[in-house]
């Protein structure tokens, strides 16, 4: 049978008290219970000032988000399809965001797509359609995210019926962050 010495019991009690205070339990006197961020200072569905947050004591701190999106890629799963039920052409668009370490991330923002047809006669693409999706609301942002592919998946409807699978198309995607930074990528069909 093991016995606990009084010195070990004091050390264990101190460790439990420290862990309880760190995990949201009873606060240590004089210590801000939330030394980093207070979610109560930011209304749901809105953005705090870029690069700043408030502690629960009201102090403003500046921070850098190391997981902010740095690049946008239209995933190869993006394809031009005909809706099997309605028979209308559409684009099944998949895009992904990456941070500075090239790890996939989710982010709030606005995404817009522009569809162009390559016109061999004029030499410049002709815009056919434009879509914009607001992903600034966390609930709306979570809905199109596919956890398996780690991409956002959007069905772009309203593609002109004159477009066929053999038409040379260019899809431009732009993701605008709440701070106003725009990331762009293109995909050819």
C-alpha atoms as a PDB file:
ATOM      1  CA  UNK A   1       0.000   0.000   0.000  1.00  0.00           C
ATOM      2  CA  UNK A   2       1.305   3.479  -0.976  1.00  0.00           C
ATOM      3  CA  UNK A   3       1.147   6.382   1.405  1.00  0.00           C
ATOM      4  CA  UNK A   4       1.270  10.051   0.568  1.00  0.00           C
ATOM      5  CA  UNK A   5       3.699  12.232   2.458  1.00  0.00           C
ATOM      6  CA  UNK A   6       2.510  15.640   3.675  1.00  0.00           C
ATOM      7  CA  UNK A   7       4.929  17.429   1.280  1.00  0.00           C
ATOM      8  CA  UNK A   8       3.555  15.509  -1.715  1.00  0.00           C
ATOM      9  CA  UNK A   9      -0.025  16.245  -0.630  1.00  0.00           C
ATOM     10  CA  UNK A  10       0.739  20.005  -0.521  1.00  0.00           C
ATOM     11  CA  UNK A  11       2.303  19.852  -4.012  1.00  0.00           C
ATOM     12  CA  UNK A  12      -0.700  17.977  -5.405  1.00  0.00           C
ATOM     13  CA  UNK A  13      -3.144  20.449  -3.834  1.00  0.00           C
ATOM     14  CA  UNK A  14      -1.207  23.379  -5.357  1.00  0.00           C
ATOM     15  CA  UNK A  15      -1.247  21.733  -8.790  1.00  0.00           C
ATOM     16  CA  UNK A  16      -5.005  21.099  -8.604  1.00  0.00           C
ATOM     17  CA  UNK A  17      -5.630  24.720  -7.538  1.00  0.00           C
ATOM     18  CA  UNK A  18      -3.499  26.019 -10.433  1.00  0.00           C
ATOM     19  CA  UNK A  19      -5.201  23.754 -12.974  1.00  0.00           C
ATOM     20  CA  UNK A  20      -8.661  24.721 -11.686  1.00  0.00           C
ATOM     21  CA  UNK A  21      -7.854  28.430 -12.036  1.00  0.00           C
ATOM     22  CA  UNK A  22      -6.509  27.919 -15.574  1.00  0.00           C
ATOM     23  CA  UNK A  23      -9.533  25.916 -16.680  1.00  0.00           C
ATOM     24  CA  UNK A  24     -12.113  28.539 -15.789  1.00  0.00           C
ATOM     25  CA  UNK A  25     -12.589  27.482 -12.169  1.00  0.00           C
ATOM     26  CA  UNK A  26     -12.183  29.787  -9.182  1.00  0.00           C
ATOM     27  CA  UNK A  27     -10.001  32.760 -10.106  1.00  0.00           C
ATOM     28  CA  UNK A  28      -6.787  33.612  -8.318  1.00  0.00           C
ATOM     29  CA  UNK A  29      -7.128  36.932  -6.493  1.00  0.00           C
ATOM     30  CA  UNK A  30      -5.763  39.827  -8.551  1.00  0.00           C
ATOM     31  CA  UNK A  31      -5.470  37.811 -11.781  1.00  0.00           C
ATOM     32  CA  UNK A  32      -7.626  38.640 -14.797  1.00  0.00           C
ATOM     33  CA  UNK A  33      -9.762  35.500 -15.294  1.00  0.00           C
ATOM     34  CA  UNK A  34      -9.485  35.931 -19.083  1.00  0.00           C
ATOM     35  CA  UNK A  35      -6.047  37.375 -19.801  1.00  0.00           C
ATOM     36  CA  UNK A  36      -6.309  36.989 -23.589  1.00  0.00           C
ATOM     37  CA  UNK A  37      -9.704  37.593 -25.193  1.00  0.00           C
ATOM     38  CA  UNK A  38     -13.248  38.107 -24.062  1.00  0.00           C
ATOM     39  CA  UNK A  39     -15.900  36.980 -26.516  1.00  0.00           C
ATOM     40  CA  UNK A  40     -18.383  39.245 -24.737  1.00  0.00           C
ATOM     41  CA  UNK A  41     -16.666  42.269 -26.298  1.00  0.00           C
ATOM     42  CA  UNK A  42     -17.456  41.164 -29.869  1.00  0.00           C
ATOM     43  CA  UNK A  43     -21.138  40.861 -30.880  1.00  0.00           C
ATOM     44  CA  UNK A  44     -22.040  37.552 -32.519  1.00  0.00           C
ATOM     45  CA  UNK A  45     -21.669  37.583 -36.291  1.00  0.00           C
ATOM     46  CA  UNK A  46     -19.568  40.743 -36.391  1.00  0.00           C
ATOM     47  CA  UNK A  47     -15.895  41.518 -36.625  1.00  0.00           C
ATOM     48  CA  UNK A  48     -13.645  43.155 -34.102  1.00  0.00           C
ATOM     49  CA  UNK A  49     -11.320  45.907 -35.274  1.00  0.00           C
ATOM     50  CA  UNK A  50      -8.589  44.410 -37.393  1.00  0.00           C
ATOM     51  CA  UNK A  51      -5.725  43.151 -35.308  1.00  0.00           C
ATOM     52  CA  UNK A  52      -7.180  44.151 -31.923  1.00  0.00           C
ATOM     53  CA  UNK A  53      -9.248  42.551 -29.174  1.00  0.00           C
ATOM     54  CA  UNK A  54     -10.375  43.483 -25.686  1.00  0.00           C
ATOM     55  CA  UNK A  55      -9.559  41.589 -22.522  1.00  0.00           C
ATOM     56  CA  UNK A  56     -12.286  41.077 -19.943  1.00  0.00           C
ATOM     57  CA  UNK A  57     -10.799  43.981 -17.969  1.00  0.00           C
ATOM     58  CA  UNK A  58     -11.321  46.275 -20.994  1.00  0.00           C
ATOM     59  CA  UNK A  59      -7.687  46.584 -22.084  1.00  0.00           C
ATOM     60  CA  UNK A  60      -7.097  46.626 -25.850  1.00  0.00           C
ATOM     61  CA  UNK A  61      -4.414  44.276 -27.124  1.00  0.00           C
ATOM     62  CA  UNK A  62      -3.000  43.938 -30.633  1.00  0.00           C
ATOM     63  CA  UNK A  63      -2.474  40.519 -32.150  1.00  0.00           C
ATOM     64  CA  UNK A  64      -1.468  38.825 -35.368  1.00  0.00           C
ATOM     65  CA  UNK A  65      -3.530  35.879 -36.545  1.00  0.00           C
ATOM     66  CA  UNK A  66      -0.982  33.260 -37.677  1.00  0.00           C
ATOM     67  CA  UNK A  67      -3.799  31.240 -39.262  1.00  0.00           C
ATOM     68  CA  UNK A  68      -5.228  33.998 -41.457  1.00  0.00           C
ATOM     69  CA  UNK A  69      -5.729  32.922 -45.074  1.00  0.00           C
ATOM     70  CA  UNK A  70      -2.803  33.838 -47.311  1.00  0.00           C
ATOM     71  CA  UNK A  71      -3.681  32.027 -50.536  1.00  0.00           C
ATOM     72  CA  UNK A  72      -6.767  30.809 -52.365  1.00  0.00           C
ATOM     73  CA  UNK A  73      -6.931  27.791 -54.650  1.00  0.00           C
ATOM     74  CA  UNK A  74      -9.768  26.537 -56.809  1.00  0.00           C
ATOM     75  CA  UNK A  75      -9.686  22.811 -56.128  1.00  0.00           C
ATOM     76  CA  UNK A  76      -9.502  20.352 -59.068  1.00  0.00           C
ATOM     77  CA  UNK A  77     -12.881  18.912 -57.990  1.00  0.00           C
ATOM     78  CA  UNK A  78     -14.436  22.048 -59.532  1.00  0.00           C
ATOM     79  CA  UNK A  79     -16.347  21.030 -62.617  1.00  0.00           C
ATOM     80  CA  UNK A  80     -18.994  22.051 -65.088  1.00  0.00           C
ATOM     81  CA  UNK A  81     -22.022  19.753 -64.781  1.00  0.00           C
ATOM     82  CA  UNK A  82     -25.619  19.464 -65.876  1.00  0.00           C
ATOM     83  CA  UNK A  83     -28.081  19.184 -62.998  1.00  0.00           C
ATOM     84  CA  UNK A  84     -29.462  15.610 -63.211  1.00  0.00           C
ATOM     85  CA  UNK A  85     -32.928  16.630 -61.998  1.00  0.00           C
ATOM     86  CA  UNK A  86     -33.524  20.015 -63.627  1.00  0.00           C
ATOM     87  CA  UNK A  87     -31.197  19.629 -66.622  1.00  0.00           C
ATOM     88  CA  UNK A  88     -29.701  23.094 -66.088  1.00  0.00           C
ATOM     89  CA  UNK A  89     -25.965  23.677 -66.470  1.00  0.00           C
ATOM     90  CA  UNK A  90     -24.122  24.684 -63.316  1.00  0.00           C
ATOM     91  CA  UNK A  91     -20.656  24.796 -61.843  1.00  0.00           C
ATOM     92  CA  UNK A  92     -19.832  22.689 -58.825  1.00  0.00           C
ATOM     93  CA  UNK A  93     -17.147  24.988 -57.366  1.00  0.00           C
ATOM     94  CA  UNK A  94     -14.692  23.866 -54.704  1.00  0.00           C
ATOM     95  CA  UNK A  95     -12.189  26.303 -53.246  1.00  0.00           C
ATOM     96  CA  UNK A  96      -9.779  26.186 -50.368  1.00  0.00           C
ATOM     97  CA  UNK A  97      -7.883  28.702 -48.266  1.00  0.00           C
ATOM     98  CA  UNK A  98      -4.357  28.237 -46.931  1.00  0.00           C
ATOM     99  CA  UNK A  99      -2.426  30.009 -44.199  1.00  0.00           C
ATOM    100  CA  UNK A 100       1.242  31.057 -44.414  1.00  0.00           C
ATOM    101  CA  UNK A 101       2.316  27.451 -43.662  1.00  0.00           C
ATOM    102  CA  UNK A 102       0.179  26.128 -46.567  1.00  0.00           C
ATOM    103  CA  UNK A 103      -2.211  24.466 -44.113  1.00  0.00           C
ATOM    104  CA  UNK A 104      -5.922  24.542 -45.021  1.00  0.00           C
ATOM    105  CA  UNK A 105      -7.938  27.027 -42.956  1.00  0.00           C
ATOM    106  CA  UNK A 106     -11.496  28.261 -42.656  1.00  0.00           C
ATOM    107  CA  UNK A 107     -12.094  32.003 -42.706  1.00  0.00           C
ATOM    108  CA  UNK A 108     -14.907  34.517 -42.762  1.00  0.00           C
ATOM    109  CA  UNK A 109     -15.248  36.703 -45.839  1.00  0.00           C
ATOM    110  CA  UNK A 110     -16.951  37.359 -49.151  1.00  0.00           C
ATOM    111  CA  UNK A 111     -16.306  35.094 -52.116  1.00  0.00           C
ATOM    112  CA  UNK A 112     -17.102  36.060 -55.680  1.00  0.00           C
ATOM    113  CA  UNK A 113     -16.877  34.023 -58.849  1.00  0.00           C
ATOM    114  CA  UNK A 114     -16.742  35.327 -62.397  1.00  0.00           C
ATOM    115  CA  UNK A 115     -17.216  33.021 -65.359  1.00  0.00           C
ATOM    116  CA  UNK A 116     -15.556  33.923 -68.673  1.00  0.00           C
ATOM    117  CA  UNK A 117     -15.645  32.316 -72.114  1.00  0.00           C
ATOM    118  CA  UNK A 118     -12.391  32.294 -74.046  1.00  0.00           C
ATOM    119  CA  UNK A 119     -13.152  34.063 -77.307  1.00  0.00           C
ATOM    120  CA  UNK A 120     -10.648  33.114 -79.996  1.00  0.00           C
ATOM    121  CA  UNK A 121     -11.905  35.820 -82.388  1.00  0.00           C
ATOM    122  CA  UNK A 122     -11.412  38.835 -80.103  1.00  0.00           C
ATOM    123  CA  UNK A 123      -8.491  37.405 -78.143  1.00  0.00           C
ATOM    124  CA  UNK A 124      -9.957  38.452 -74.787  1.00  0.00           C
ATOM    125  CA  UNK A 125     -12.310  36.574 -72.471  1.00  0.00           C
ATOM    126  CA  UNK A 126     -15.993  37.543 -72.368  1.00  0.00           C
ATOM    127  CA  UNK A 127     -17.703  37.641 -68.967  1.00  0.00           C
ATOM    128  CA  UNK A 128     -20.760  35.396 -68.899  1.00  0.00           C
ATOM    129  CA  UNK A 129     -21.876  35.376 -65.285  1.00  0.00           C
ATOM    130  CA  UNK A 130     -20.980  36.579 -61.803  1.00  0.00           C
ATOM    131  CA  UNK A 131     -21.848  35.178 -58.353  1.00  0.00           C
ATOM    132  CA  UNK A 132     -21.160  36.536 -54.873  1.00  0.00           C
ATOM    133  CA  UNK A 133     -21.588  34.563 -51.658  1.00  0.00           C
ATOM    134  CA  UNK A 134     -21.465  36.143 -48.210  1.00  0.00           C
ATOM    135  CA  UNK A 135     -19.522  33.880 -45.855  1.00  0.00           C
ATOM    136  CA  UNK A 136     -19.070  36.496 -43.103  1.00  0.00           C
ATOM    137  CA  UNK A 137     -21.639  34.904 -40.805  1.00  0.00           C
ATOM    138  CA  UNK A 138     -20.127  31.917 -38.946  1.00  0.00           C
ATOM    139  CA  UNK A 139     -23.238  29.758 -39.465  1.00  0.00           C
ATOM    140  CA  UNK A 140     -23.405  30.568 -43.191  1.00  0.00           C
ATOM    141  CA  UNK A 141     -19.654  29.938 -43.427  1.00  0.00           C
ATOM    142  CA  UNK A 142     -19.875  26.475 -41.861  1.00  0.00           C
ATOM    143  CA  UNK A 143     -22.657  25.227 -44.158  1.00  0.00           C
ATOM    144  CA  UNK A 144     -20.713  24.906 -47.480  1.00  0.00           C
ATOM    145  CA  UNK A 145     -17.515  23.631 -45.825  1.00  0.00           C
ATOM    146  CA  UNK A 146     -16.778  19.990 -46.642  1.00  0.00           C
ATOM    147  CA  UNK A 147     -14.699  18.413 -43.868  1.00  0.00           C
ATOM    148  CA  UNK A 148     -13.635  15.470 -46.015  1.00  0.00           C
ATOM    149  CA  UNK A 149     -12.035  17.516 -48.820  1.00  0.00           C
ATOM    150  CA  UNK A 150     -11.365  20.547 -46.576  1.00  0.00           C
ATOM    151  CA  UNK A 151     -12.852  22.772 -49.249  1.00  0.00           C
ATOM    152  CA  UNK A 152     -15.802  25.100 -49.489  1.00  0.00           C
ATOM    153  CA  UNK A 153     -18.291  23.689 -51.991  1.00  0.00           C
ATOM    154  CA  UNK A 154     -20.749  25.976 -53.753  1.00  0.00           C
ATOM    155  CA  UNK A 155     -23.205  25.219 -56.537  1.00  0.00           C
ATOM    156  CA  UNK A 156     -23.118  28.097 -59.022  1.00  0.00           C
ATOM    157  CA  UNK A 157     -26.425  28.127 -60.861  1.00  0.00           C
ATOM    158  CA  UNK A 158     -27.501  30.370 -63.712  1.00  0.00           C
ATOM    159  CA  UNK A 159     -24.819  29.339 -66.191  1.00  0.00           C
ATOM    160  CA  UNK A 160     -26.022  30.306 -69.688  1.00  0.00           C
ATOM    161  CA  UNK A 161     -27.626  27.307 -71.433  1.00  0.00           C
ATOM    162  CA  UNK A 162     -25.583  27.980 -74.574  1.00  0.00           C
ATOM    163  CA  UNK A 163     -22.498  26.811 -72.682  1.00  0.00           C
ATOM    164  CA  UNK A 164     -21.564  23.187 -73.284  1.00  0.00           C
ATOM    165  CA  UNK A 165     -18.891  20.917 -71.833  1.00  0.00           C
ATOM    166  CA  UNK A 166     -16.704  21.670 -74.866  1.00  0.00           C
ATOM    167  CA  UNK A 167     -16.817  25.469 -74.381  1.00  0.00           C
ATOM    168  CA  UNK A 168     -13.510  26.857 -73.132  1.00  0.00           C
ATOM    169  CA  UNK A 169     -14.274  28.539 -69.817  1.00  0.00           C
ATOM    170  CA  UNK A 170     -12.276  30.442 -67.223  1.00  0.00           C
ATOM    171  CA  UNK A 171     -13.488  30.730 -63.630  1.00  0.00           C
ATOM    172  CA  UNK A 172     -12.045  33.522 -61.488  1.00  0.00           C
ATOM    173  CA  UNK A 173     -12.525  33.299 -57.719  1.00  0.00           C
ATOM    174  CA  UNK A 174     -11.831  36.148 -55.302  1.00  0.00           C
ATOM    175  CA  UNK A 175     -12.024  35.879 -51.508  1.00  0.00           C
ATOM    176  CA  UNK A 176     -12.135  39.164 -49.575  1.00  0.00           C
ATOM    177  CA  UNK A 177     -11.294  39.031 -45.878  1.00  0.00           C
ATOM    178  CA  UNK A 178     -12.987  41.284 -43.295  1.00  0.00           C
ATOM    179  CA  UNK A 179      -9.748  43.321 -43.229  1.00  0.00           C
ATOM    180  CA  UNK A 180     -10.178  44.051 -46.954  1.00  0.00           C
ATOM    181  CA  UNK A 181      -7.432  41.762 -48.323  1.00  0.00           C
ATOM    182  CA  UNK A 182      -8.400  39.992 -51.558  1.00  0.00           C
ATOM    183  CA  UNK A 183      -7.073  36.581 -52.571  1.00  0.00           C
ATOM    184  CA  UNK A 184      -7.558  35.393 -56.169  1.00  0.00           C
ATOM    185  CA  UNK A 185      -7.304  32.186 -58.181  1.00  0.00           C
ATOM    186  CA  UNK A 186      -8.383  30.962 -61.616  1.00  0.00           C
ATOM    187  CA  UNK A 187      -9.480  27.641 -63.054  1.00  0.00           C
ATOM    188  CA  UNK A 188      -9.833  26.610 -66.714  1.00  0.00           C
ATOM    189  CA  UNK A 189     -12.386  24.121 -67.991  1.00  0.00           C
END
